[in-house]
């Protein structure tokens, strides 16, 4: 090699050595790996971890754990009692986790001292329950409390969560090392929490999931659910069919007799509106006259204010319910979805209480107008009163149910206070000599029955103008047809 070649080789070697020195960690033998403390050394920071995303890696990782946990004498002392830590291989036989590595779930055990601090992390792979699963999100319940085959659960007051208990009913430590899963397909599995003597803040009975009919005010599952909601749906559909029949008794664009011709002309009119310039007219009518109620505002500011407290609040709750369902469907583990399905989240608790209060104030205002002030334009027809009392009773029952829920589940005051109506109600209810484990289901069913009755009543009484008025506005503004005065 020539002189220039040796010089070049020397320069290259110098550069490599310089980069190695710059990139090397400036540690001494007394220093620890980054992110650890002397009493909590993370083993896998130094030792090679198998690739647990492959079958071979899973087998290698589990074999490493089984070197100790397959032995009968693997135990830990808890309050003077030797608790077994043996993991029976048979417990994985029918488990959906039989092809997973131990550290897939037990993410923090590879440390010294060798002890978990967080337990198995189910949320690493699984999403939280929605309204349709487990009949509620159960956000304050650990996954293991339901899905682990043990009857012992407890309320961790410090964390505000229901957890699997590591002691039996006599307070003795128990081994929780079996990896079989409980059968949660049967309602009987809910009995570990939902019984009359529970201490975890659960109702004494298992309540149904909210129906799709409840979406008017609450996020709900896309199922009808309990028979009371099926009955309400059937009555609602029958009423809507009667309304359609009544609409088609009249003349439709000159046609007076043939029903199929009337339906065809109505469908043509709808499509022509959606795919023509009339669409913008229809959109303007929807926003200004139906949502913002411009025509009522022109007649009376007072009447508009009273009506808007009820109508716009219900419309806002409906919009929030639909938005919650949409967000949860696409990203159930996102912060926004978790906040919207959490009834105790500051935003959710405040907004739903505020909108409920608007509805109740609107009903009270309307009641004062109807029964005390009695202006000339107000008629005391019985169907008006039924609609008013149904909406008012539903809102009031909702606040009572919220207060009972906060009291029963033991939500801390610093969290519960964001429900600025429900929390004071819960304080009042706490003074009553009532077993709320049994009383809460009664309040829930009262609220559900009132909601079902309101839904069923929509096409029959005063509230049927929710369907008639938009149709009238659409015909008048989009097609220019005005109601002819009687001679």
Protein backbone atom coordinates (compact mmCIF):
# COMPACT_ATOMS: atom_id res chain seq x y z
CA UNK A 1 0.00 0.00 0.00
CA UNK A 2 1.32 3.46 -0.89
CA UNK A 3 1.93 6.25 1.61
CA UNK A 4 -1.25 8.06 0.60
CA UNK A 5 -3.22 4.84 1.14
CA UNK A 6 -1.89 4.47 4.71
CA UNK A 7 -2.67 8.11 5.42
CA UNK A 8 -6.24 7.67 4.12
CA UNK A 9 -6.73 4.49 6.16
CA UNK A 10 -5.44 6.25 9.27
CA UNK A 11 -7.82 9.19 8.78
CA UNK A 12 -10.79 6.86 8.30
CA UNK A 13 -9.93 4.91 11.43
CA UNK A 14 -9.58 8.17 13.38
CA UNK A 15 -12.99 9.36 12.25
CA UNK A 16 -14.59 6.05 13.26
CA UNK A 17 -12.95 6.13 16.70
CA UNK A 18 -14.01 9.76 17.20
CA UNK A 19 -17.64 8.97 16.33
CA UNK A 20 -17.58 5.98 18.69
CA UNK A 21 -16.34 8.17 21.54
CA UNK A 22 -18.94 10.88 20.85
CA UNK A 23 -21.85 8.42 20.62
CA UNK A 24 -20.81 6.29 23.60
CA UNK A 25 -22.77 6.88 26.85
CA UNK A 26 -20.75 8.73 29.45
CA UNK A 27 -21.31 6.21 32.25
CA UNK A 28 -19.15 4.81 34.97
CA UNK A 29 -19.41 1.38 36.60
CA UNK A 30 -21.38 2.99 39.46
CA UNK A 31 -24.00 4.51 37.17
CA UNK A 32 -27.29 2.76 36.28
CA UNK A 33 -29.05 2.40 32.92
CA UNK A 34 -31.32 5.28 31.98
CA UNK A 35 -34.86 5.26 33.42
CA UNK A 36 -34.15 3.01 36.43
CA UNK A 37 -33.54 3.42 40.13
CA UNK A 38 -31.19 1.34 42.34
CA UNK A 39 -34.09 -0.63 43.85
CA UNK A 40 -36.08 -1.03 40.59
CA UNK A 41 -33.73 -2.17 37.88
CA UNK A 42 -35.46 -3.06 34.62
CA UNK A 43 -33.90 -6.37 33.60
CA UNK A 44 -34.69 -6.04 29.89
CA UNK A 45 -32.72 -2.77 29.74
CA UNK A 46 -29.63 -4.95 29.72
CA UNK A 47 -30.69 -8.50 28.91
CA UNK A 48 -31.80 -9.48 25.44
CA UNK A 49 -35.56 -9.74 24.97
CA UNK A 50 -37.00 -12.27 22.55
CA UNK A 51 -39.05 -10.92 19.68
CA UNK A 52 -42.49 -11.61 21.19
CA UNK A 53 -44.18 -10.70 17.91
CA UNK A 54 -43.16 -14.08 16.49
CA UNK A 55 -44.19 -17.60 17.50
CA UNK A 56 -40.61 -18.51 18.35
CA UNK A 57 -40.20 -15.39 20.48
CA UNK A 58 -43.41 -16.09 22.38
CA UNK A 59 -42.33 -19.66 23.10
CA UNK A 60 -38.89 -18.51 24.25
CA UNK A 61 -40.30 -15.77 26.49
CA UNK A 62 -42.87 -18.09 28.11
CA UNK A 63 -40.28 -20.81 28.63
CA UNK A 64 -38.12 -18.29 30.48
CA UNK A 65 -41.01 -17.40 32.83
CA UNK A 66 -42.01 -21.02 33.28
CA UNK A 67 -38.59 -21.94 34.65
CA UNK A 68 -39.91 -20.65 37.96
CA UNK A 69 -43.68 -20.40 37.61
CA UNK A 70 -44.23 -24.04 36.65
CA UNK A 71 -42.81 -25.17 40.02
CA UNK A 72 -45.11 -25.86 42.95
CA UNK A 73 -42.70 -24.28 45.45
CA UNK A 74 -42.77 -20.85 43.73
CA UNK A 75 -44.40 -18.81 46.46
CA UNK A 76 -44.51 -15.34 47.98
CA UNK A 77 -45.07 -14.41 51.61
CA UNK A 78 -48.09 -12.16 52.19
CA UNK A 79 -48.81 -11.23 55.83
CA UNK A 80 -47.07 -14.39 56.99
CA UNK A 81 -48.94 -16.63 54.53
CA UNK A 82 -47.13 -18.40 51.68
CA UNK A 83 -49.15 -17.66 48.53
CA UNK A 84 -48.57 -19.85 45.51
CA UNK A 85 -47.32 -18.24 42.30
CA UNK A 86 -47.46 -21.41 40.26
CA UNK A 87 -49.13 -20.94 36.87
CA UNK A 88 -50.79 -24.19 35.78
CA UNK A 89 -50.17 -24.87 32.12
CA UNK A 90 -53.70 -26.30 31.84
CA UNK A 91 -55.19 -22.88 32.58
CA UNK A 92 -54.06 -21.74 29.13
CA UNK A 93 -55.73 -24.65 27.31
CA UNK A 94 -58.84 -22.79 26.14
CA UNK A 95 -57.61 -19.27 26.78
CA UNK A 96 -57.53 -16.75 23.92
CA UNK A 97 -54.11 -15.76 25.33
CA UNK A 98 -52.53 -19.18 24.89
CA UNK A 99 -50.34 -17.92 22.05
CA UNK A 100 -49.26 -14.70 23.81
CA UNK A 101 -46.06 -14.11 25.73
CA UNK A 102 -46.37 -13.43 29.45
CA UNK A 103 -44.89 -9.96 29.07
CA UNK A 104 -47.49 -9.09 26.44
CA UNK A 105 -49.84 -8.56 29.40
CA UNK A 106 -47.49 -8.32 32.39
CA UNK A 107 -45.49 -5.46 30.96
CA UNK A 108 -43.66 -4.42 34.13
CA UNK A 109 -42.48 -7.69 35.72
CA UNK A 110 -39.02 -7.72 34.12
CA UNK A 111 -37.57 -5.72 37.00
CA UNK A 112 -35.66 -6.17 40.21
CA UNK A 113 -37.26 -6.81 42.63
CA UNK A 114 -39.31 -9.11 40.40
CA UNK A 115 -42.80 -7.88 41.23
CA UNK A 116 -45.57 -6.26 39.21
CA UNK A 117 -46.87 -2.83 40.15
CA UNK A 118 -49.63 -2.38 37.58
CA UNK A 119 -50.85 -5.92 36.99
CA UNK A 120 -51.89 -7.26 33.61
CA UNK A 121 -52.54 -4.42 31.16
CA UNK A 122 -55.61 -5.50 29.19
CA UNK A 123 -55.97 -2.10 27.55
CA UNK A 124 -52.73 -2.71 25.70
CA UNK A 125 -54.74 -4.82 23.25
CA UNK A 126 -58.42 -4.35 24.11
CA UNK A 127 -60.67 -1.31 23.92
CA UNK A 128 -63.07 -0.23 26.64
CA UNK A 129 -66.69 -1.36 26.53
CA UNK A 130 -69.21 0.83 24.78
CA UNK A 131 -72.85 1.29 25.73
CA UNK A 132 -73.82 -1.97 24.06
CA UNK A 133 -71.24 -4.19 25.79
CA UNK A 134 -71.66 -5.08 29.47
CA UNK A 135 -74.70 -2.75 29.28
CA UNK A 136 -72.50 0.24 30.20
CA UNK A 137 -68.87 1.30 29.73
CA UNK A 138 -67.90 0.27 33.33
CA UNK A 139 -65.04 2.77 33.18
CA UNK A 140 -64.43 2.58 36.96
CA UNK A 141 -64.11 -1.22 36.95
CA UNK A 142 -60.87 -3.08 36.26
CA UNK A 143 -61.09 -5.67 33.48
CA UNK A 144 -59.98 -8.45 35.84
CA UNK A 145 -62.86 -7.76 38.25
CA UNK A 146 -65.30 -9.14 35.66
CA UNK A 147 -63.23 -11.35 33.36
CA UNK A 148 -61.18 -13.21 35.98
CA UNK A 149 -62.70 -16.40 37.48
CA UNK A 150 -62.84 -15.19 41.07
CA UNK A 151 -65.85 -14.15 43.12
CA UNK A 152 -63.95 -11.66 45.29
CA UNK A 153 -63.97 -7.98 44.33
CA UNK A 154 -63.40 -4.78 46.29
CA UNK A 155 -63.67 -1.03 45.97
CA UNK A 156 -60.25 0.62 45.99
CA UNK A 157 -61.26 3.94 47.53
CA UNK A 158 -57.85 5.51 46.97
CA UNK A 159 -58.06 4.92 43.21
CA UNK A 160 -61.87 5.05 43.03
CA UNK A 161 -61.94 1.75 41.13
CA UNK A 162 -63.51 -1.68 41.54
CA UNK A 163 -60.71 -4.23 41.52
CA UNK A 164 -60.23 -7.96 41.86
CA UNK A 165 -59.62 -8.72 45.53
CA UNK A 166 -56.54 -10.65 46.53
CA UNK A 167 -58.18 -11.83 49.74
CA UNK A 168 -61.09 -14.14 50.38
CA UNK A 169 -64.19 -13.34 52.43
CA UNK A 170 -62.22 -14.08 55.63
CA UNK A 171 -59.41 -11.70 54.73
CA UNK A 172 -56.92 -14.44 53.89
CA UNK A 173 -54.52 -13.93 50.93
CA UNK A 174 -55.43 -16.01 47.89
CA UNK A 175 -53.49 -17.07 44.83
CA UNK A 176 -54.66 -15.42 41.62
CA UNK A 177 -52.49 -17.20 39.11
CA UNK A 178 -54.95 -19.17 37.01
CA UNK A 179 -55.22 -17.77 33.49
CA UNK A 180 -58.64 -19.05 32.52
CA UNK A 181 -61.30 -16.43 31.82
CA UNK A 182 -64.74 -16.21 33.36
CA UNK A 183 -67.80 -16.81 31.21
CA UNK A 184 -69.30 -13.32 31.01
CA UNK A 185 -71.87 -14.26 28.39
CA UNK A 186 -74.36 -15.08 31.13
CA UNK A 187 -75.98 -12.42 33.30
CA UNK A 188 -75.20 -14.60 36.34
CA UNK A 189 -71.53 -13.60 36.06
CA UNK A 190 -72.55 -10.04 37.02
CA UNK A 191 -73.71 -11.35 40.41
CA UNK A 192 -70.29 -10.89 41.97
CA UNK A 193 -71.00 -7.13 42.11
CA UNK A 194 -74.72 -6.72 41.48
CA UNK A 195 -76.32 -8.09 44.63
CA UNK A 196 -78.06 -6.54 47.59
CA UNK A 197 -75.07 -6.78 49.97
CA UNK A 198 -72.31 -5.54 47.67
CA UNK A 199 -69.78 -3.01 48.95
CA UNK A 200 -68.48 -1.79 45.59
CA UNK A 201 -71.24 0.72 44.83
CA UNK A 202 -73.14 -1.40 42.32
CA UNK A 203 -76.95 -1.56 41.97
CA UNK A 204 -78.56 -4.58 43.60
CA UNK A 205 -79.74 -5.84 40.20
CA UNK A 206 -78.38 -5.88 36.67
CA UNK A 207 -79.93 -3.07 34.65
CA UNK A 208 -80.64 -3.21 30.90
CA UNK A 209 -78.54 -1.37 28.39
CA UNK A 210 -79.86 1.95 27.15
CA UNK A 211 -81.99 1.56 24.04
CA UNK A 212 -81.43 3.25 20.70
CA UNK A 213 -84.59 5.21 21.55
CA UNK A 214 -82.62 6.85 24.38
CA UNK A 215 -80.29 8.51 21.85
CA UNK A 216 -82.56 11.56 22.04
CA UNK A 217 -80.74 12.45 25.27
CA UNK A 218 -78.02 9.83 25.91
CA UNK A 219 -75.31 7.95 24.01
CA UNK A 220 -76.75 4.49 23.53
CA UNK A 221 -76.35 1.14 21.83
CA UNK A 222 -77.80 0.43 18.39
CA UNK A 223 -80.30 -2.03 19.83
CA UNK A 224 -83.87 -1.66 21.07
CA UNK A 225 -83.22 -3.68 24.19
CA UNK A 226 -85.73 -4.07 27.02
CA UNK A 227 -89.39 -4.93 26.27
CA UNK A 228 -90.55 -1.50 27.48
CA UNK A 229 -88.56 0.05 24.63
CA UNK A 230 -89.94 -2.45 22.13
CA UNK A 231 -93.46 -1.50 23.21
CA UNK A 232 -92.62 2.20 22.84
CA UNK A 233 -91.14 1.59 19.38
CA UNK A 234 -94.23 -0.28 18.18
CA UNK A 235 -96.54 2.49 19.40
CA UNK A 236 -94.26 5.11 17.79
CA UNK A 237 -94.20 3.32 14.43
CA UNK A 238 -97.98 2.87 14.51
CA UNK A 239 -98.41 6.59 15.16
CA UNK A 240 -96.06 7.54 12.34
CA UNK A 241 -97.93 5.29 9.92
CA UNK A 242 -101.21 6.93 10.94
CA UNK A 243 -99.64 10.35 10.33
CA UNK A 244 -98.47 9.27 6.87
CA UNK A 245 -101.91 7.93 6.09
CA UNK A 246 -103.46 11.25 7.13
CA UNK A 247 -100.98 13.23 5.01
CA UNK A 248 -101.79 11.18 1.91
CA UNK A 249 -105.55 11.57 2.34
CA UNK A 250 -105.26 15.01 0.81
CA UNK A 251 -104.21 16.17 -2.63
CA UNK A 252 -100.57 15.73 -3.69
CA UNK A 253 -99.62 17.94 -6.66
CA UNK A 254 -103.10 17.62 -8.13
CA UNK A 255 -103.53 13.89 -7.51
CA UNK A 256 -106.54 13.17 -5.29
CA UNK A 257 -107.22 9.41 -5.46
CA UNK A 258 -104.37 7.02 -6.34
CA UNK A 259 -102.19 6.40 -3.26
CA UNK A 260 -99.30 4.94 -5.23
CA UNK A 261 -99.33 8.02 -7.47
CA UNK A 262 -99.22 10.32 -4.44
CA UNK A 263 -96.25 8.45 -3.01
CA UNK A 264 -94.47 8.57 -6.38
CA UNK A 265 -95.04 12.31 -6.71
CA UNK A 266 -93.81 12.91 -3.16
CA UNK A 267 -90.64 10.90 -3.83
CA UNK A 268 -90.04 12.83 -7.05
CA UNK A 269 -90.46 16.11 -5.18
CA UNK A 270 -87.95 15.02 -2.54
CA UNK A 271 -85.31 14.01 -5.09
CA UNK A 272 -85.84 17.18 -7.13
CA UNK A 273 -85.27 19.19 -3.97
CA UNK A 274 -82.09 17.36 -3.00
CA UNK A 275 -80.55 17.57 -6.47
CA UNK A 276 -81.52 21.05 -7.57
CA UNK A 277 -81.17 24.64 -6.46
CA UNK A 278 -84.13 24.08 -4.16
CA UNK A 279 -81.71 22.19 -1.88
CA UNK A 280 -80.29 25.50 -0.65
CA UNK A 281 -83.77 26.79 0.05
CA UNK A 282 -84.55 23.62 2.00
CA UNK A 283 -81.28 23.96 3.94
CA UNK A 284 -82.11 27.58 4.81
CA UNK A 285 -85.55 26.53 6.04
CA UNK A 286 -84.01 23.73 8.11
CA UNK A 287 -81.48 26.00 9.81
CA UNK A 288 -83.45 29.22 10.24
CA UNK A 289 -87.06 28.16 10.57
CA UNK A 290 -86.79 24.70 12.13
CA UNK A 291 -83.59 24.70 14.21
CA UNK A 292 -83.38 28.39 15.13
CA UNK A 293 -87.19 28.83 15.02
CA UNK A 294 -87.14 32.18 13.24
CA UNK A 295 -90.91 32.31 12.75
CA UNK A 296 -91.59 31.90 16.47
CA UNK A 297 -89.03 34.61 17.22
CA UNK A 298 -90.87 37.02 14.89
CA UNK A 299 -94.11 36.36 16.76
CA UNK A 300 -92.81 36.65 20.32
CA UNK A 301 -89.35 36.83 21.90
CA UNK A 302 -90.74 35.48 25.17
CA UNK A 303 -92.37 32.48 23.49
CA UNK A 304 -89.23 31.83 21.46
CA UNK A 305 -87.05 31.91 24.60
CA UNK A 306 -89.33 29.50 26.46
CA UNK A 307 -89.61 27.15 23.49
CA UNK A 308 -85.87 27.25 22.75
CA UNK A 309 -84.91 26.26 26.29
CA UNK A 310 -86.65 22.95 25.70
CA UNK A 311 -86.22 22.34 21.98
CA UNK A 312 -82.62 23.47 21.50
CA UNK A 313 -81.45 21.69 24.66
CA UNK A 314 -82.97 18.39 23.48
CA UNK A 315 -81.52 18.96 20.00
CA UNK A 316 -78.08 19.62 21.52
CA UNK A 317 -78.25 16.44 23.59
CA UNK A 318 -79.26 14.47 20.51
CA UNK A 319 -76.36 15.93 18.53
CA UNK A 320 -73.90 15.19 21.34
CA UNK A 321 -75.18 11.61 21.62
CA UNK A 322 -74.78 10.99 17.89
CA UNK A 323 -71.33 12.61 17.88
CA UNK A 324 -70.26 10.44 20.82
CA UNK A 325 -71.36 7.28 19.04
CA UNK A 326 -69.52 8.30 15.87
CA UNK A 327 -66.27 9.15 17.67
CA UNK A 328 -66.35 5.96 19.74
CA UNK A 329 -67.03 3.82 16.66
CA UNK A 330 -63.90 5.08 14.87
CA UNK A 331 -61.48 5.62 17.77
CA UNK A 332 -62.75 4.04 21.00
CA UNK A 333 -59.46 4.44 22.86
CA UNK A 334 -58.97 8.12 22.03
CA UNK A 335 -59.10 10.74 24.77
CA UNK A 336 -62.14 12.39 23.18
CA UNK A 337 -64.15 9.15 23.01
CA UNK A 338 -63.27 8.21 26.59
CA UNK A 339 -64.26 11.67 27.81
CA UNK A 340 -67.60 11.63 26.00
CA UNK A 341 -68.69 8.20 27.29
CA UNK A 342 -67.56 8.97 30.84
CA UNK A 343 -70.54 10.40 32.74
CA UNK A 344 -68.15 11.65 35.44
CA UNK A 345 -65.81 13.55 33.11
CA UNK A 346 -65.90 17.29 33.91
CA UNK A 347 -67.00 18.31 30.40
CA UNK A 348 -69.61 15.58 29.98
CA UNK A 349 -71.06 15.95 33.47
CA UNK A 350 -71.35 19.74 33.18
CA UNK A 351 -72.80 19.84 29.67
CA UNK A 352 -75.47 17.20 30.29
CA UNK A 353 -76.50 18.83 33.57
CA UNK A 354 -76.62 22.25 31.92
CA UNK A 355 -78.79 21.04 29.04
CA UNK A 356 -81.04 19.14 31.43
CA UNK A 357 -81.44 22.27 33.51
CA UNK A 358 -82.42 24.24 30.39
CA UNK A 359 -85.14 21.69 29.65
CA UNK A 360 -86.47 21.80 33.21
CA UNK A 361 -86.48 25.62 33.28
CA UNK A 362 -88.32 25.72 29.94
CA UNK A 363 -90.96 23.33 31.28
CA UNK A 364 -91.41 25.35 34.48
CA UNK A 365 -91.71 28.56 32.45
CA UNK A 366 -94.32 26.95 30.20
CA UNK A 367 -96.23 25.65 33.23
CA UNK A 368 -96.34 29.12 34.78
CA UNK A 369 -97.61 30.56 31.51
CA UNK A 370 -100.23 27.85 31.11
CA UNK A 371 -101.61 27.59 34.63
CA UNK A 372 -100.99 30.99 36.25
CA UNK A 373 -100.46 33.75 33.66
CA UNK A 374 -102.85 32.25 31.08
CA UNK A 375 -102.41 34.64 28.13
CA UNK A 376 -105.11 34.69 25.46
CA UNK A 377 -103.16 32.55 22.94
CA UNK A 378 -102.60 29.71 25.40
CA UNK A 379 -105.10 26.86 25.34
CA UNK A 380 -105.25 24.41 28.22
CA UNK A 381 -105.87 21.35 26.08
CA UNK A 382 -105.15 18.07 27.82
CA UNK A 383 -102.70 16.94 25.11
CA UNK A 384 -100.61 20.07 25.74
CA UNK A 385 -100.47 19.28 29.45
CA UNK A 386 -99.52 15.63 28.88
CA UNK A 387 -96.55 16.62 26.69
CA UNK A 388 -95.45 19.26 29.20
CA UNK A 389 -95.60 16.95 32.19
CA UNK A 390 -93.88 14.08 30.38
CA UNK A 391 -90.88 16.24 29.45
CA UNK A 392 -90.71 17.82 32.90
CA UNK A 393 -91.03 14.52 34.77
CA UNK A 394 -88.39 12.96 32.52
CA UNK A 395 -85.89 15.76 33.24
CA UNK A 396 -86.59 15.67 36.97
CA UNK A 397 -86.24 11.87 37.11
CA UNK A 398 -82.97 12.20 35.23
CA UNK A 399 -81.50 14.48 37.89
CA UNK A 400 -82.71 12.18 40.69
CA UNK A 401 -81.17 9.18 38.94
CA UNK A 402 -77.87 11.04 38.46
CA UNK A 403 -77.78 12.04 42.12
CA UNK A 404 -78.48 8.47 43.23
CA UNK A 405 -75.76 7.16 40.90
CA UNK A 406 -73.16 9.56 42.27
CA UNK A 407 -74.12 8.64 45.81
CA UNK A 408 -74.21 4.88 45.20
CA UNK A 409 -70.94 4.62 43.27
CA UNK A 410 -69.06 6.86 45.71
CA UNK A 411 -67.67 9.26 43.12
CA UNK A 412 -65.27 11.61 44.97
CA UNK A 413 -66.60 15.11 45.60
CA UNK A 414 -63.85 16.78 43.54
CA UNK A 415 -65.08 14.79 40.53
CA UNK A 416 -68.81 14.66 41.25
CA UNK A 417 -69.05 18.44 41.74
CA UNK A 418 -68.82 18.98 37.97
CA UNK A 419 -72.34 17.58 37.83
CA UNK A 420 -73.54 20.83 39.37
CA UNK A 421 -77.15 19.66 39.67
CA UNK A 422 -76.63 15.95 40.27
CA UNK A 423 -74.07 16.44 43.04
CA UNK A 424 -76.27 18.67 45.27
CA UNK A 425 -79.10 16.21 44.67
CA UNK A 426 -76.82 13.38 45.82
CA UNK A 427 -76.05 15.30 49.04
CA UNK A 428 -79.76 15.68 49.72
CA UNK A 429 -80.41 12.01 48.98
CA UNK A 430 -77.60 11.00 51.35
CA UNK A 431 -79.67 12.32 54.27
CA UNK A 432 -82.50 9.88 53.55
CA UNK A 433 -82.61 6.47 55.28
CA UNK A 434 -82.69 4.58 51.97
CA UNK A 435 -80.69 1.60 50.71
CA UNK A 436 -79.64 3.07 47.36
CA UNK A 437 -78.39 -0.28 46.10
CA UNK A 438 -82.04 -1.31 45.85
CA UNK A 439 -83.54 2.14 45.28
CA UNK A 440 -81.33 3.10 42.34
CA UNK A 441 -82.79 0.42 39.98
CA UNK A 442 -86.28 1.71 40.81
CA UNK A 443 -85.29 5.27 39.84
CA UNK A 444 -83.64 3.94 36.69
CA UNK A 445 -86.80 2.14 35.58
CA UNK A 446 -88.97 5.17 36.38
CA UNK A 447 -86.72 7.30 34.18
CA UNK A 448 -86.76 4.65 31.43
CA UNK A 449 -90.55 4.31 31.54
CA UNK A 450 -91.00 8.08 31.28
CA UNK A 451 -88.59 8.20 28.34
CA UNK A 452 -90.38 5.33 26.60
CA UNK A 453 -93.75 7.02 27.19
CA UNK A 454 -92.47 10.29 25.70
CA UNK A 455 -91.11 8.54 22.60
CA UNK A 456 -94.37 6.62 22.14
CA UNK A 457 -96.44 9.80 22.56
CA UNK A 458 -94.60 11.84 19.92
CA UNK A 459 -96.92 11.22 16.93
CA UNK A 460 -100.17 11.44 18.91
CA UNK A 461 -100.36 14.54 21.08
CA UNK A 462 -99.10 18.10 20.91
CA UNK A 463 -95.57 16.92 20.12
CA UNK A 464 -96.58 15.67 16.68
CA UNK A 465 -95.94 19.21 15.45
CA UNK A 466 -92.27 18.11 15.51
CA UNK A 467 -93.15 16.25 12.29
CA UNK A 468 -95.93 18.42 10.88
CA UNK A 469 -94.30 21.84 11.17
CA UNK A 470 -91.07 21.00 9.26
CA UNK A 471 -93.16 19.42 6.49
CA UNK A 472 -95.38 22.50 6.31
CA UNK A 473 -92.40 24.85 6.16
CA UNK A 474 -90.78 22.73 3.46
CA UNK A 475 -93.93 22.74 1.29
CA UNK A 476 -94.45 26.48 1.72
CA UNK A 477 -90.88 27.66 1.16
CA UNK A 478 -89.54 25.09 -1.31
CA UNK A 479 -92.63 24.56 -3.47
CA UNK A 480 -94.39 27.86 -2.85
CA UNK A 481 -97.68 26.28 -1.79
CA UNK A 482 -99.52 28.21 0.89
CA UNK A 483 -102.37 26.99 3.00
CA UNK A 484 -105.61 28.37 1.64
CA UNK A 485 -107.79 30.19 4.22
CA UNK A 486 -111.22 28.77 4.83
CA UNK A 487 -114.12 30.75 3.33
